[in-house]
Amino acid sequence: MLFFTTIFFFWEIHHVSSSSTIIRDSRATSRDVTPILGRGFSALTAEYFSTCLSAQTTDPTFSYNYNMFELDSEENASSQIQGNLEEDSLCYDYIARTVTSGFAQPTEPGIMTRYAITQMSLEQYYSSVLAETSYIIEPAQDMLNNGDIIGFIQACGPNYINSIVRRGELAGLFKYSASETNTEAMQQFQQRLSNGPEEGISNPVTLGTDLTIAIRVYGLGFNPGAGTSSLFVQSLEDFQLAVDFSFESMIIPKTGVVKSMEILPWTVSPEFQAQARLDIKLTESTCFDTSEVVVECGTDEVANTITTPVPNQLKVFKFFRNAEHLVNLDSILRSRMDRIARLSHCQNALSGLNECQDEWFLLNHQFGTGDYVKNSMRAMELRDILIGISTDPSVTQSSVDYYRWGREISNLNL
């Protein structure tokens, strides 16, 4: 009863939606993290947890797009790129930077630079957890069966990843230069690029200068049968091979750059509700004195007690709202403990310096290297700051607050 009373208090002050949530920002798309179906996740702290759900998955659906367009001048390049590429294109920045740099290079009088750009994208979606055959792993089940709800939240998170949308993309940039009057050759090249290379012909059209081909590919799966040599492009034939190789590598399930993911609270899982014993009947007591004023239960003032059952749905809501709150508290505590650990490490390193090394100037890399005078200090000065002897005359050397690390620990309020 005490546990649930605390839960109810947290629920009142911490409001979070109990429905599914779609994550489209860096919490999902960063390449420093690894979204996996069934893995725990906190939308509040952006932390990933253990994969506590052994997820059987649905077969993904694919969307395919192939686009080709031409850029004929630097003035129109930006608007043409925006008009032809999708807003969420992985290759957008690469194409814009490459084209801007290419057009900026000087050319001979009467020679013009042009770009032909191809973009292929493939998106996997509807890859989600199959609830009928997925199950919570045994160690997580043991925590729930033992009533260790907080332990389950700390290990598995307040939510789990239910579905993931992935994207693969290839961009090909064909840079060529020709006389402004040689329009026939440029039209032939554009036609050959659209139709694909002819067999046995590497560069089917001579434009007067070398043809430069550059490609950028994102989200390929491991495709040992094809070999990475398919991505070395020196001709239109090679480019067609690269496109075929990339397509075959993008359709491999569970590959591609994560575009978005859907998270669900554990409370929507029937198995979790059963394992967590949310079906156990709980009651809530309200105590009154002789004047029918609410008082604390268990005291001598209690004259009457009313006991009411706690609805199961309310228990579910209370759990979910508290789960995010507890994860956030845990994240704050771990962050502060990490700060103390780094403080101790720096102090130990500085204390090991000799008198000569004490005069070294140390640069604060957090602010860059622009102003060495402003962003640096002597090692002995930094050591004194980190040791942080208290200037309060009432704090004695025997007090835990005498040194900075002691004050940092006191601020944890453990």
Protein backbone atom coordinates (compact mmCIF):
# COMPACT_ATOMS: atom_id res chain seq x y z
CA MET A 1 0.00 0.00 0.00
CA LEU A 2 2.85 2.38 0.79
CA PHE A 3 4.45 1.77 -2.62
CA PHE A 4 1.26 2.58 -4.44
CA THR A 5 0.63 5.73 -2.42
CA THR A 6 4.08 7.01 -3.47
CA ILE A 7 3.36 6.09 -7.05
CA PHE A 8 0.13 8.06 -7.01
CA PHE A 9 1.91 11.16 -5.73
CA PHE A 10 4.45 11.01 -8.56
CA TRP A 11 1.69 10.50 -11.08
CA GLU A 12 0.09 13.75 -10.05
CA ILE A 13 3.23 15.81 -10.69
CA HIS A 14 4.66 14.06 -13.75
CA HIS A 15 2.44 13.96 -16.84
CA VAL A 16 3.45 11.78 -19.79
CA SER A 17 1.31 10.45 -22.61
CA SER A 18 0.48 6.75 -22.17
CA SER A 19 -0.03 6.17 -25.92
CA SER A 20 2.62 5.18 -28.45
CA THR A 21 5.21 7.80 -29.33
CA ILE A 22 7.05 8.32 -32.61
CA ILE A 23 10.71 9.42 -32.26
CA ARG A 24 12.16 11.10 -35.37
CA ASP A 25 15.02 13.17 -33.95
CA SER A 26 18.61 12.36 -32.98
CA ARG A 27 17.41 10.15 -30.13
CA ALA A 28 16.63 7.59 -32.83
CA THR A 29 18.70 8.69 -35.84
CA SER A 30 22.09 9.21 -34.18
CA ARG A 31 24.65 6.63 -35.29
CA ASP A 32 26.03 6.53 -31.76
CA VAL A 33 22.99 4.55 -30.58
CA THR A 34 21.57 1.17 -31.62
CA PRO A 35 17.77 0.94 -31.77
CA ILE A 36 16.63 -2.70 -31.66
CA LEU A 37 13.08 -4.02 -31.62
CA GLY A 38 12.21 -4.94 -28.03
CA ARG A 39 14.95 -2.79 -26.50
CA GLY A 40 14.08 -0.50 -23.61
CA PHE A 41 14.00 3.26 -24.15
CA SER A 42 13.18 6.43 -22.23
CA ALA A 43 11.80 9.34 -24.22
CA LEU A 44 12.50 11.70 -21.32
CA THR A 45 16.22 10.98 -20.88
CA ALA A 46 16.89 9.58 -24.41
CA GLU A 47 18.57 6.54 -22.80
CA TYR A 48 18.59 3.02 -24.18
CA PHE A 49 18.26 0.02 -21.88
CA SER A 50 18.59 -3.74 -22.12
CA THR A 51 16.63 -5.72 -24.70
CA CYS A 52 14.14 -7.35 -22.36
CA LEU A 53 11.63 -8.41 -25.01
CA SER A 54 12.57 -11.33 -27.23
CA ALA A 55 10.88 -9.92 -30.31
CA GLN A 56 9.49 -11.92 -33.17
CA THR A 57 8.99 -9.41 -35.99
CA THR A 58 6.69 -8.80 -38.91
CA ASP A 59 7.99 -8.82 -42.48
CA PRO A 60 8.90 -5.27 -43.59
CA THR A 61 7.38 -3.41 -46.53
CA PHE A 62 9.57 -1.46 -48.97
CA SER A 63 9.19 1.83 -50.79
CA TYR A 64 11.51 2.60 -53.71
CA ASN A 65 12.34 5.87 -55.42
CA TYR A 66 14.72 6.73 -58.26
CA ASN A 67 15.24 10.31 -59.33
CA MET A 68 17.52 12.01 -61.88
CA PHE A 69 17.93 15.71 -62.61
CA GLU A 70 20.46 18.13 -64.08
CA LEU A 71 22.13 21.26 -62.70
CA ASP A 72 23.29 23.73 -65.32
CA SER A 73 24.38 26.72 -63.25
CA GLU A 74 25.44 27.71 -59.76
CA GLU A 75 22.66 30.31 -59.55
CA ASN A 76 19.89 27.73 -59.87
CA ALA A 77 21.62 24.84 -58.09
CA SER A 78 20.16 25.41 -54.62
CA SER A 79 16.55 25.73 -55.79
CA GLN A 80 16.89 22.76 -58.16
CA ILE A 81 18.28 20.53 -55.41
CA GLN A 82 15.48 21.54 -53.05
CA GLY A 83 12.90 20.90 -55.73
CA ASN A 84 14.16 17.46 -56.70
CA LEU A 85 15.35 15.89 -53.45
CA GLU A 86 13.15 14.77 -50.59
CA GLU A 87 13.39 16.84 -47.42
CA ASP A 88 14.67 13.89 -45.39
CA SER A 89 17.21 12.78 -48.01
CA LEU A 90 20.38 11.41 -46.42
CA CYS A 91 22.41 12.66 -49.40
CA TYR A 92 21.07 16.22 -49.39
CA ASP A 93 24.01 17.87 -47.61
CA TYR A 94 26.58 15.84 -49.53
CA ILE A 95 25.09 16.78 -52.90
CA ALA A 96 24.74 20.47 -51.98
CA ARG A 97 28.34 20.72 -50.73
CA THR A 98 29.81 18.85 -53.70
CA VAL A 99 27.90 20.87 -56.29
CA THR A 100 28.71 24.20 -54.64
CA SER A 101 32.40 23.31 -54.55
CA GLY A 102 32.36 22.08 -58.17
CA PHE A 103 30.73 25.17 -59.60
CA ALA A 104 33.19 27.37 -57.70
CA GLN A 105 36.16 25.88 -59.56
CA PRO A 106 37.35 28.07 -62.48
CA THR A 107 36.88 26.91 -66.10
CA GLU A 108 38.32 28.01 -69.40
CA PRO A 109 36.45 30.65 -71.42
CA GLY A 110 33.56 29.16 -73.38
CA ILE A 111 33.52 25.98 -71.23
CA MET A 112 30.60 25.33 -68.90
CA THR A 113 30.32 22.93 -65.96
CA ARG A 114 27.21 20.81 -65.59
CA TYR A 115 26.02 18.17 -63.16
CA ALA A 116 23.74 15.20 -63.71
CA ILE A 117 22.53 13.81 -60.39
CA THR A 118 20.84 10.51 -59.68
CA GLN A 119 19.31 9.52 -56.36
CA MET A 120 17.99 6.11 -55.36
CA SER A 121 16.30 5.56 -52.02
CA LEU A 122 14.69 2.53 -50.41
CA GLU A 123 12.69 2.65 -47.20
CA GLN A 124 11.74 -0.26 -44.95
CA TYR A 125 8.70 0.15 -42.73
CA TYR A 126 6.02 -1.91 -40.96
CA SER A 127 8.89 -3.80 -39.29
CA SER A 128 7.43 -4.18 -35.82
CA VAL A 129 7.15 -6.50 -32.83
CA LEU A 130 4.76 -9.41 -33.33
CA ALA A 131 3.00 -9.32 -29.98
CA GLU A 132 1.45 -12.80 -30.24
CA THR A 133 4.80 -14.62 -30.30
CA SER A 134 7.15 -12.19 -28.48
CA TYR A 135 7.91 -12.66 -24.80
CA ILE A 136 9.74 -11.00 -21.92
CA ILE A 137 13.11 -12.67 -21.29
CA GLU A 138 13.46 -14.85 -18.19
CA PRO A 139 15.69 -12.56 -16.02
CA ALA A 140 13.22 -9.70 -16.53
CA GLN A 141 10.32 -12.01 -15.73
CA ASP A 142 12.04 -13.00 -12.48
CA MET A 143 12.24 -9.34 -11.42
CA LEU A 144 8.53 -8.89 -12.09
CA ASN A 145 7.59 -12.12 -10.31
CA ASN A 146 9.59 -11.01 -7.27
CA GLY A 147 7.83 -7.64 -7.22
CA ASP A 148 11.01 -5.74 -8.16
CA ILE A 149 9.24 -3.17 -10.33
CA ILE A 150 11.93 -0.52 -9.84
CA GLY A 151 14.65 -3.00 -10.81
CA PHE A 152 12.72 -3.86 -13.97
CA ILE A 153 12.44 -0.18 -14.91
CA GLN A 154 16.15 0.41 -14.30
CA ALA A 155 17.10 -2.58 -16.46
CA CYS A 156 14.44 -2.49 -19.19
CA GLY A 157 13.33 1.14 -19.20
CA PRO A 158 9.81 2.56 -19.08
CA ASN A 159 9.11 1.80 -22.76
CA TYR A 160 10.24 -0.60 -25.45
CA ILE A 161 10.86 -0.10 -29.17
CA ASN A 162 7.90 -1.52 -31.07
CA SER A 163 8.72 -0.61 -34.68
CA ILE A 164 11.54 0.93 -36.70
CA VAL A 165 11.59 2.69 -40.08
CA ARG A 166 14.92 2.36 -41.92
CA ARG A 167 16.22 4.02 -45.05
CA GLY A 168 18.98 3.30 -47.55
CA GLU A 169 20.09 5.79 -50.16
CA LEU A 170 22.53 6.19 -53.04
CA ALA A 171 23.53 9.42 -54.77
CA GLY A 172 25.50 9.57 -58.00
CA LEU A 173 27.05 12.86 -59.17
CA PHE A 174 28.23 13.15 -62.78
CA LYS A 175 30.29 16.28 -63.35
CA TYR A 176 31.27 17.13 -66.91
CA SER A 177 32.44 20.16 -68.86
CA ALA A 178 31.90 21.04 -72.51
CA SER A 179 31.78 23.91 -74.92
CA GLU A 180 28.64 26.01 -74.62
CA THR A 181 28.01 25.32 -78.31
CA ASN A 182 28.37 21.53 -78.00
CA THR A 183 24.75 20.97 -77.00
CA GLU A 184 24.39 17.79 -79.10
CA ALA A 185 27.07 15.95 -77.11
CA MET A 186 25.49 17.00 -73.81
CA GLN A 187 22.06 15.78 -74.97
CA GLN A 188 23.56 12.44 -75.99
CA PHE A 189 25.23 12.05 -72.62
CA GLN A 190 22.00 12.83 -70.76
CA GLN A 191 20.13 10.31 -72.90
CA ARG A 192 22.73 7.59 -72.31
CA LEU A 193 22.67 8.30 -68.58
CA SER A 194 18.88 7.97 -68.55
CA ASN A 195 18.85 4.75 -70.59
CA GLY A 196 21.91 3.15 -68.98
CA PRO A 197 25.29 2.37 -70.56
CA GLU A 198 25.62 0.40 -73.75
CA GLU A 199 27.36 -2.93 -73.49
CA GLY A 200 31.12 -2.69 -74.01
CA ILE A 201 31.18 1.13 -73.92
CA SER A 202 32.65 2.75 -70.81
CA ASN A 203 32.22 6.45 -71.69
CA PRO A 204 29.77 6.50 -74.60
CA VAL A 205 30.00 10.23 -75.31
CA THR A 206 33.12 12.37 -75.59
CA LEU A 207 32.48 15.78 -74.09
CA GLY A 208 35.94 17.22 -74.57
CA THR A 209 37.06 16.78 -70.95
CA ASP A 210 37.13 13.97 -68.44
CA LEU A 211 33.90 12.81 -66.88
CA THR A 212 33.98 12.77 -63.07
CA ILE A 213 31.71 10.34 -61.25
CA ALA A 214 31.21 10.42 -57.48
CA ILE A 215 28.85 8.30 -55.39
CA ARG A 216 27.71 8.32 -51.78
CA VAL A 217 25.80 5.40 -50.27
CA TYR A 218 24.04 5.11 -46.89
CA GLY A 219 22.44 2.18 -45.08
CA LEU A 220 23.88 -0.88 -46.82
CA GLY A 221 23.57 -4.34 -45.33
CA PHE A 222 26.31 -6.95 -45.39
CA ASN A 223 26.17 -8.56 -48.83
CA PRO A 224 29.14 -10.96 -49.09
CA GLY A 225 28.02 -12.43 -52.39
CA ALA A 226 28.46 -9.20 -54.36
CA GLY A 227 31.76 -7.88 -53.00
CA THR A 228 32.59 -4.26 -52.20
CA SER A 229 34.41 -3.84 -55.52
CA SER A 230 30.99 -3.05 -56.99
CA LEU A 231 31.20 0.37 -55.34
CA PHE A 232 34.34 1.48 -57.19
CA VAL A 233 32.97 3.58 -60.05
CA GLN A 234 35.03 4.74 -63.02
CA SER A 235 32.48 4.52 -65.82
CA LEU A 236 28.74 4.42 -66.50
CA GLU A 237 28.91 0.63 -66.55
CA ASP A 238 30.52 0.65 -63.10
CA PHE A 239 27.82 3.01 -61.86
CA GLN A 240 25.07 0.66 -63.00
CA LEU A 241 26.80 -2.17 -61.12
CA ALA A 242 26.99 0.04 -58.02
CA VAL A 243 23.26 0.77 -58.25
CA ASP A 244 22.44 -2.94 -58.54
CA PHE A 245 24.75 -3.83 -55.67
CA SER A 246 23.32 -1.09 -53.44
CA PHE A 247 19.73 -2.10 -54.14
CA GLU A 248 20.42 -5.74 -53.25
CA SER A 249 22.19 -4.62 -50.07
CA MET A 250 19.40 -2.25 -49.02
CA ILE A 251 16.59 -4.80 -49.18
CA ILE A 252 18.25 -7.01 -46.57
CA PRO A 253 15.91 -6.93 -43.53
CA LYS A 254 16.94 -4.92 -40.47
CA THR A 255 19.46 -2.85 -42.42
CA GLY A 256 19.52 0.83 -43.25
CA VAL A 257 19.86 4.10 -41.41
CA VAL A 258 17.16 4.52 -38.76
CA LYS A 259 14.70 7.20 -39.80
CA SER A 260 12.20 6.90 -36.95
CA MET A 261 10.97 4.48 -34.33
CA GLU A 262 7.79 3.87 -32.38
CA ILE A 263 7.98 3.26 -28.64
CA LEU A 264 5.27 1.76 -26.46
CA PRO A 265 4.99 1.71 -22.65
CA TRP A 266 5.41 -1.71 -21.09
CA THR A 267 1.93 -1.37 -19.68
CA VAL A 268 0.33 -2.08 -23.09
CA SER A 269 1.81 -5.59 -23.04
CA PRO A 270 -0.65 -8.18 -21.67
CA GLU A 271 2.26 -10.40 -20.63
CA PHE A 272 3.84 -7.55 -18.68
CA GLN A 273 0.57 -6.83 -16.89
CA ALA A 274 0.29 -10.47 -15.88
CA GLN A 275 3.95 -10.81 -14.82
CA ALA A 276 3.91 -7.50 -12.90
CA ARG A 277 0.81 -8.63 -10.98
CA LEU A 278 -1.12 -5.55 -11.94
CA ASP A 279 -4.23 -7.72 -11.68
CA ILE A 280 -3.76 -8.10 -7.90
CA LYS A 281 -6.53 -6.29 -6.02
CA LEU A 282 -5.27 -3.24 -4.13
CA THR A 283 -7.20 -0.93 -1.86
CA GLU A 284 -6.66 2.65 -0.80
CA SER A 285 -7.63 3.85 2.66
CA THR A 286 -8.77 7.35 3.59
CA CYS A 287 -8.94 8.22 7.31
CA PHE A 288 -11.10 10.86 9.03
CA ASP A 289 -11.32 12.32 12.51
CA THR A 290 -14.50 12.93 14.48
CA SER A 291 -15.17 16.10 12.44
CA GLU A 292 -14.91 14.18 9.16
CA VAL A 293 -11.60 15.91 8.34
CA VAL A 294 -9.00 13.81 6.49
CA VAL A 295 -6.12 12.84 8.78
CA GLU A 296 -3.10 10.55 8.54
CA CYS A 297 -4.02 6.91 8.93
CA GLY A 298 -2.54 5.03 11.91
CA THR A 299 -2.75 7.97 14.31
CA ASP A 300 -4.92 8.44 17.41
CA GLU A 301 -6.97 11.05 15.55
CA VAL A 302 -8.56 8.44 13.27
CA ALA A 303 -12.26 7.99 13.98
CA ASN A 304 -13.41 6.52 10.66
CA THR A 305 -11.73 4.78 7.72
CA ILE A 306 -13.08 4.35 4.20
CA THR A 307 -11.43 1.68 2.02
CA THR A 308 -11.89 1.79 -1.76
CA PRO A 309 -10.48 -0.55 -4.44
CA VAL A 310 -7.87 0.81 -6.86
CA PRO A 311 -9.02 0.25 -10.49
CA ASN A 312 -6.64 -1.84 -12.62
CA GLN A 313 -6.48 0.81 -15.32
CA LEU A 314 -5.43 3.40 -12.77
CA LYS A 315 -2.62 1.10 -11.63
CA VAL A 316 -1.40 0.89 -15.22
CA PHE A 317 -1.37 4.66 -15.61
CA LYS A 318 0.41 5.12 -12.30
CA PHE A 319 3.12 2.66 -13.25
CA PHE A 320 3.83 4.27 -16.60
CA ARG A 321 4.02 7.82 -15.32
CA ASN A 322 6.27 6.80 -12.46
CA ALA A 323 8.52 4.74 -14.74
CA GLU A 324 9.72 7.80 -16.69
CA HIS A 325 10.08 9.74 -13.44
CA LEU A 326 12.22 7.04 -11.80
CA VAL A 327 14.41 6.71 -14.91
CA ASN A 328 14.96 10.47 -14.92
CA LEU A 329 15.95 10.46 -11.25
CA ASP A 330 18.34 7.58 -11.89
CA SER A 331 19.86 9.41 -14.87
CA ILE A 332 20.42 12.57 -12.82
CA LEU A 333 22.06 10.58 -10.02
CA ARG A 334 24.38 8.72 -12.41
CA SER A 335 25.33 11.98 -14.11
CA ARG A 336 26.30 13.54 -10.79
CA MET A 337 28.23 10.44 -9.74
CA ASP A 338 30.10 10.57 -13.07
CA ARG A 339 30.94 14.21 -12.37
CA ILE A 340 32.42 13.26 -8.98
CA ALA A 341 34.40 10.40 -10.58
CA ARG A 342 35.88 12.74 -13.20
CA LEU A 343 36.67 15.31 -10.50
CA SER A 344 38.54 12.68 -8.51
CA HIS A 345 40.42 11.48 -11.60
CA CYS A 346 41.55 15.01 -12.49
CA GLN A 347 42.63 15.73 -8.93
CA ASN A 348 44.73 12.57 -8.80
CA ALA A 349 46.37 13.38 -12.14
CA LEU A 350 47.23 16.93 -11.08
CA SER A 351 48.49 15.83 -7.69
CA GLY A 352 51.04 13.60 -9.42
CA LEU A 353 52.77 16.53 -11.17
CA ASN A 354 56.13 17.78 -9.98
CA GLU A 355 57.05 21.43 -9.30
CA CYS A 356 58.19 22.01 -12.86
CA GLN A 357 55.03 20.52 -14.31
CA ASP A 358 52.92 22.68 -11.97
CA GLU A 359 53.88 25.63 -14.16
CA TRP A 360 52.51 24.02 -17.34
CA PHE A 361 49.62 25.82 -19.01
CA LEU A 362 46.65 23.50 -19.62
CA LEU A 363 44.17 24.30 -22.40
CA ASN A 364 40.42 23.98 -21.90
CA HIS A 365 39.44 22.13 -25.07
CA GLN A 366 35.73 22.65 -24.36
CA PHE A 367 36.08 26.23 -25.62
CA GLY A 368 38.31 25.43 -28.58
CA THR A 369 41.83 26.62 -29.27
CA GLY A 370 41.19 30.18 -30.45
CA ASP A 371 42.23 32.20 -27.42
CA TYR A 372 45.05 30.40 -25.60
CA VAL A 373 45.34 33.08 -22.92
CA LYS A 374 41.64 33.11 -22.04
CA ASN A 375 41.08 29.34 -22.32
CA SER A 376 44.12 28.11 -20.35
CA MET A 377 45.53 28.17 -16.82
CA ARG A 378 48.50 26.80 -14.95
CA ALA A 379 48.25 23.23 -13.64
CA MET A 380 48.71 24.34 -10.02
CA GLU A 381 45.83 26.84 -10.35
CA LEU A 382 43.52 24.17 -11.76
CA ARG A 383 44.48 21.79 -8.95
CA ASP A 384 43.61 24.38 -6.31
CA ILE A 385 40.22 24.98 -7.97
CA LEU A 386 39.40 21.27 -8.13
CA ILE A 387 40.49 20.66 -4.53
CA GLY A 388 38.30 23.63 -3.64
CA ILE A 389 39.12 24.24 0.02
CA SER A 390 36.12 25.93 1.60
CA THR A 391 36.37 29.66 2.36
CA ASP A 392 33.62 29.42 4.99
CA PRO A 393 35.31 29.98 8.38
CA SER A 394 32.70 27.81 10.10
CA VAL A 395 33.74 24.74 8.06
CA THR A 396 36.63 22.90 9.72
CA GLN A 397 39.14 20.64 7.99
CA SER A 398 37.49 17.59 9.54
CA SER A 399 34.16 18.45 7.90
CA VAL A 400 33.08 16.59 4.76
CA ASP A 401 32.35 19.98 3.18
CA TYR A 402 35.93 21.22 3.59
CA TYR A 403 36.95 19.94 0.12
CA ARG A 404 35.07 20.27 -3.14
CA TRP A 405 34.50 16.53 -3.64
CA GLY A 406 32.82 16.38 -0.23
CA ARG A 407 30.46 19.21 -1.13
CA GLU A 408 29.66 17.47 -4.42
CA ILE A 409 28.72 14.31 -2.53
CA SER A 410 26.63 16.28 -0.05
CA ASN A 411 24.71 17.82 -2.93
CA LEU A 412 23.58 14.38 -4.03
CA ASN A 413 21.18 14.37 -1.06
CA LEU A 414 21.44 10.59 -0.72
